[in-house]
Amino acid sequence: MSDLQKYKEKQLQNPEFKKEYDATRNEYNVTRAIIAARIAANMTQKELAEKSGIRQSNISRIENGTCSPTIATLQALAKGLGMELMVSFK
């Protein structure tokens, strides 16, 4: 286990930290999925912007976590990546 993982596990024992971590986990997962899909497609943000119609600056904000994308934006990004957006509830 890395030092970062050990630190995170320790912090998750703090109820306030855990509450905030849990509240932002889904947004983080969406962000990571977008970045992973773009990298797997071997695309730059600029190329994705051209294919999706979403400005590169907006893609950057989504990827760095300062902006939460709408479903319409996620659909446009998926289309630009040659993928289909799928949402599931567990």
N, C-alpha and C. Protein backbone atom coordinates (compact mmCIF):
# COMPACT_ATOMS: atom_id res chain seq x y z
N MET A 1 0.86 -1.17 0.00
CA MET A 1 0.00 0.00 0.00
C MET A 1 0.91 1.24 0.00
N SER A 2 0.59 2.21 -0.87
CA SER A 2 1.41 3.41 -0.96
C SER A 2 1.15 4.33 0.23
N ASP A 3 2.05 5.29 0.41
CA ASP A 3 1.88 6.26 1.48
C ASP A 3 0.58 7.05 1.30
N LEU A 4 0.25 7.37 0.05
CA LEU A 4 -0.99 8.11 -0.22
C LEU A 4 -2.20 7.27 0.18
N GLN A 5 -2.19 6.01 -0.16
CA GLN A 5 -3.31 5.14 0.21
C GLN A 5 -3.43 5.01 1.73
N LYS A 6 -2.30 4.88 2.40
CA LYS A 6 -2.32 4.80 3.87
C LYS A 6 -2.89 6.08 4.46
N TYR A 7 -2.47 7.23 3.90
CA TYR A 7 -2.95 8.51 4.39
C TYR A 7 -4.46 8.62 4.18
N LYS A 8 -4.93 8.22 2.99
CA LYS A 8 -6.36 8.29 2.69
C LYS A 8 -7.15 7.41 3.65
N GLU A 9 -6.69 6.19 3.88
CA GLU A 9 -7.37 5.29 4.81
C GLU A 9 -7.47 5.89 6.21
N LYS A 10 -6.39 6.52 6.65
CA LYS A 10 -6.40 7.16 7.96
C LYS A 10 -7.40 8.31 7.99
N GLN A 11 -7.40 9.13 6.93
CA GLN A 11 -8.31 10.27 6.88
C GLN A 11 -9.77 9.84 6.81
N LEU A 12 -10.04 8.73 6.15
CA LEU A 12 -11.41 8.24 6.03
C LEU A 12 -12.01 7.82 7.36
N GLN A 13 -11.18 7.67 8.37
CA GLN A 13 -11.69 7.36 9.71
C GLN A 13 -12.27 8.60 10.38
N ASN A 14 -11.97 9.79 9.85
CA ASN A 14 -12.53 11.03 10.35
C ASN A 14 -13.91 11.20 9.71
N PRO A 15 -14.99 11.26 10.50
CA PRO A 15 -16.35 11.32 9.95
C PRO A 15 -16.58 12.53 9.01
N GLU A 16 -16.02 13.67 9.32
CA GLU A 16 -16.20 14.84 8.46
C GLU A 16 -15.51 14.65 7.11
N PHE A 17 -14.30 14.11 7.15
CA PHE A 17 -13.57 13.85 5.91
C PHE A 17 -14.32 12.82 5.08
N LYS A 18 -14.77 11.74 5.71
CA LYS A 18 -15.48 10.68 5.00
C LYS A 18 -16.74 11.20 4.35
N LYS A 19 -17.47 12.05 5.05
CA LYS A 19 -18.71 12.60 4.51
C LYS A 19 -18.42 13.40 3.23
N GLU A 20 -17.41 14.24 3.27
CA GLU A 20 -17.05 15.04 2.10
C GLU A 20 -16.50 14.16 0.98
N TYR A 21 -15.68 13.19 1.34
CA TYR A 21 -15.13 12.24 0.35
C TYR A 21 -16.26 11.51 -0.37
N ASP A 22 -17.20 11.00 0.39
CA ASP A 22 -18.33 10.28 -0.19
C ASP A 22 -19.19 11.18 -1.07
N ALA A 23 -19.34 12.44 -0.67
CA ALA A 23 -20.17 13.38 -1.42
C ALA A 23 -19.57 13.73 -2.78
N THR A 24 -18.27 13.65 -2.91
CA THR A 24 -17.62 14.04 -4.17
C THR A 24 -17.12 12.85 -4.98
N ARG A 25 -17.28 11.66 -4.47
CA ARG A 25 -16.74 10.47 -5.14
C ARG A 25 -17.30 10.27 -6.55
N ASN A 26 -18.61 10.45 -6.75
CA ASN A 26 -19.20 10.24 -8.07
C ASN A 26 -18.67 11.23 -9.09
N GLU A 27 -18.55 12.49 -8.70
CA GLU A 27 -18.00 13.49 -9.62
C GLU A 27 -16.56 13.14 -9.99
N TYR A 28 -15.80 12.72 -9.00
CA TYR A 28 -14.41 12.33 -9.25
C TYR A 28 -14.35 11.15 -10.23
N ASN A 29 -15.22 10.17 -10.03
CA ASN A 29 -15.25 9.00 -10.90
C ASN A 29 -15.60 9.38 -12.34
N VAL A 30 -16.53 10.30 -12.51
CA VAL A 30 -16.89 10.76 -13.86
C VAL A 30 -15.69 11.46 -14.49
N THR A 31 -15.05 12.31 -13.74
CA THR A 31 -13.87 13.03 -14.24
C THR A 31 -12.79 12.05 -14.67
N ARG A 32 -12.49 11.08 -13.82
CA ARG A 32 -11.46 10.09 -14.15
C ARG A 32 -11.84 9.28 -15.38
N ALA A 33 -13.14 8.95 -15.53
CA ALA A 33 -13.59 8.18 -16.69
C ALA A 33 -13.41 8.98 -17.99
N ILE A 34 -13.69 10.27 -17.95
CA ILE A 34 -13.51 11.12 -19.13
C ILE A 34 -12.04 11.17 -19.51
N ILE A 35 -11.19 11.41 -18.54
CA ILE A 35 -9.75 11.49 -18.81
C ILE A 35 -9.25 10.16 -19.36
N ALA A 36 -9.64 9.06 -18.73
CA ALA A 36 -9.18 7.74 -19.18
C ALA A 36 -9.65 7.44 -20.60
N ALA A 37 -10.91 7.78 -20.91
CA ALA A 37 -11.43 7.53 -22.25
C ALA A 37 -10.71 8.38 -23.29
N ARG A 38 -10.43 9.62 -22.96
CA ARG A 38 -9.72 10.51 -23.89
C ARG A 38 -8.30 10.00 -24.15
N ILE A 39 -7.62 9.59 -23.09
CA ILE A 39 -6.25 9.07 -23.24
C ILE A 39 -6.27 7.75 -24.02
N ALA A 40 -7.23 6.89 -23.74
CA ALA A 40 -7.34 5.61 -24.46
C ALA A 40 -7.60 5.84 -25.94
N ALA A 41 -8.33 6.93 -26.26
CA ALA A 41 -8.60 7.27 -27.66
C ALA A 41 -7.42 8.01 -28.29
N ASN A 42 -6.37 8.22 -27.49
CA ASN A 42 -5.17 8.92 -27.95
C ASN A 42 -5.51 10.32 -28.49
N MET A 43 -6.35 11.04 -27.73
CA MET A 43 -6.79 12.37 -28.12
C MET A 43 -6.30 13.42 -27.14
N THR A 44 -6.01 14.59 -27.67
CA THR A 44 -5.75 15.74 -26.82
C THR A 44 -7.09 16.38 -26.47
N GLN A 45 -7.06 17.28 -25.51
CA GLN A 45 -8.29 18.03 -25.21
C GLN A 45 -8.75 18.81 -26.43
N LYS A 46 -7.81 19.37 -27.16
CA LYS A 46 -8.15 20.15 -28.36
C LYS A 46 -8.84 19.27 -29.40
N GLU A 47 -8.34 18.07 -29.62
CA GLU A 47 -8.96 17.16 -30.58
C GLU A 47 -10.36 16.76 -30.13
N LEU A 48 -10.51 16.49 -28.84
CA LEU A 48 -11.83 16.14 -28.31
C LEU A 48 -12.78 17.32 -28.46
N ALA A 49 -12.29 18.51 -28.24
CA ALA A 49 -13.13 19.70 -28.41
C ALA A 49 -13.65 19.81 -29.84
N GLU A 50 -12.76 19.58 -30.80
CA GLU A 50 -13.15 19.65 -32.21
C GLU A 50 -14.18 18.59 -32.56
N LYS A 51 -14.04 17.39 -32.01
CA LYS A 51 -14.96 16.30 -32.34
C LYS A 51 -16.27 16.36 -31.57
N SER A 52 -16.25 16.98 -30.40
CA SER A 52 -17.44 16.98 -29.55
C SER A 52 -18.24 18.28 -29.62
N GLY A 53 -17.58 19.35 -30.06
CA GLY A 53 -18.25 20.65 -30.06
C GLY A 53 -18.22 21.33 -28.70
N ILE A 54 -17.50 20.75 -27.75
CA ILE A 54 -17.35 21.34 -26.41
C ILE A 54 -16.02 22.08 -26.42
N ARG A 55 -16.02 23.33 -25.96
CA ARG A 55 -14.78 24.11 -25.97
C ARG A 55 -13.69 23.42 -25.14
N GLN A 56 -12.46 23.55 -25.63
CA GLN A 56 -11.33 22.94 -24.94
C GLN A 56 -11.21 23.46 -23.52
N SER A 57 -11.49 24.74 -23.32
CA SER A 57 -11.41 25.30 -21.97
C SER A 57 -12.43 24.64 -21.03
N ASN A 58 -13.59 24.29 -21.56
CA ASN A 58 -14.59 23.60 -20.74
C ASN A 58 -14.16 22.17 -20.43
N ILE A 59 -13.55 21.51 -21.41
CA ILE A 59 -13.03 20.16 -21.16
C ILE A 59 -11.97 20.20 -20.08
N SER A 60 -11.11 21.20 -20.15
CA SER A 60 -10.07 21.36 -19.13
C SER A 60 -10.68 21.54 -17.75
N ARG A 61 -11.71 22.37 -17.65
CA ARG A 61 -12.35 22.61 -16.35
C ARG A 61 -13.02 21.33 -15.82
N ILE A 62 -13.62 20.58 -16.72
CA ILE A 62 -14.24 19.31 -16.30
C ILE A 62 -13.16 18.36 -15.80
N GLU A 63 -12.07 18.25 -16.55
CA GLU A 63 -11.02 17.31 -16.19
C GLU A 63 -10.27 17.71 -14.92
N ASN A 64 -10.20 19.00 -14.62
CA ASN A 64 -9.50 19.37 -13.38
C ASN A 64 -10.45 19.51 -12.20
N GLY A 65 -11.73 19.20 -12.43
CA GLY A 65 -12.69 19.14 -11.33
C GLY A 65 -13.29 20.46 -10.89
N THR A 66 -13.11 21.52 -11.67
CA THR A 66 -13.68 22.80 -11.27
C THR A 66 -15.03 23.06 -11.91
N CYS A 67 -15.51 22.11 -12.70
CA CYS A 67 -16.79 22.26 -13.38
C CYS A 67 -17.46 20.90 -13.44
N SER A 68 -18.75 20.84 -13.14
CA SER A 68 -19.49 19.59 -13.25
C SER A 68 -20.26 19.59 -14.57
N PRO A 69 -20.02 18.59 -15.42
CA PRO A 69 -20.69 18.57 -16.72
C PRO A 69 -22.16 18.18 -16.61
N THR A 70 -22.95 18.70 -17.53
CA THR A 70 -24.35 18.30 -17.62
C THR A 70 -24.42 16.98 -18.39
N ILE A 71 -25.58 16.37 -18.38
CA ILE A 71 -25.78 15.14 -19.16
C ILE A 71 -25.56 15.43 -20.64
N ALA A 72 -26.05 16.56 -21.12
CA ALA A 72 -25.86 16.92 -22.53
C ALA A 72 -24.38 17.04 -22.87
N THR A 73 -23.61 17.62 -21.98
CA THR A 73 -22.16 17.74 -22.21
C THR A 73 -21.51 16.37 -22.22
N LEU A 74 -21.90 15.52 -21.28
CA LEU A 74 -21.35 14.16 -21.24
C LEU A 74 -21.70 13.39 -22.52
N GLN A 75 -22.91 13.59 -23.04
CA GLN A 75 -23.30 12.94 -24.28
C GLN A 75 -22.45 13.43 -25.45
N ALA A 76 -22.20 14.73 -25.49
CA ALA A 76 -21.37 15.29 -26.57
C ALA A 76 -19.94 14.77 -26.47
N LEU A 77 -19.41 14.68 -25.26
CA LEU A 77 -18.06 14.15 -25.08
C LEU A 77 -17.99 12.69 -25.49
N ALA A 78 -18.99 11.91 -25.10
CA ALA A 78 -19.02 10.49 -25.48
C ALA A 78 -19.06 10.35 -27.00
N LYS A 79 -19.89 11.15 -27.64
CA LYS A 79 -19.98 11.10 -29.10
C LYS A 79 -18.63 11.47 -29.73
N GLY A 80 -17.99 12.50 -29.21
CA GLY A 80 -16.68 12.91 -29.71
C GLY A 80 -15.62 11.84 -29.53
N LEU A 81 -15.81 11.01 -28.52
CA LEU A 81 -14.88 9.91 -28.26
C LEU A 81 -15.25 8.64 -29.02
N GLY A 82 -16.37 8.71 -29.76
CA GLY A 82 -16.83 7.53 -30.47
C GLY A 82 -17.44 6.50 -29.55
N MET A 83 -18.02 6.99 -28.45
CA MET A 83 -18.58 6.10 -27.44
C MET A 83 -20.04 6.47 -27.19
N GLU A 84 -20.67 5.67 -26.38
CA GLU A 84 -22.04 5.92 -25.96
C GLU A 84 -22.04 6.17 -24.46
N LEU A 85 -22.77 7.21 -24.04
CA LEU A 85 -22.88 7.49 -22.61
C LEU A 85 -23.86 6.52 -21.98
N MET A 86 -23.45 5.92 -20.89
CA MET A 86 -24.32 5.02 -20.15
C MET A 86 -24.33 5.45 -18.68
N VAL A 87 -25.50 5.53 -18.11
CA VAL A 87 -25.65 5.90 -16.70
C VAL A 87 -26.33 4.72 -16.01
N SER A 88 -25.84 4.36 -14.85
CA SER A 88 -26.46 3.26 -14.12
C SER A 88 -26.65 3.63 -12.66
N PHE A 89 -27.62 2.99 -12.07
CA PHE A 89 -27.88 3.13 -10.64
C PHE A 89 -27.70 1.78 -10.01
N LYS A 90 -27.04 1.73 -8.87
CA LYS A 90 -26.82 0.45 -8.19
C LYS A 90 -27.67 0.40 -6.95
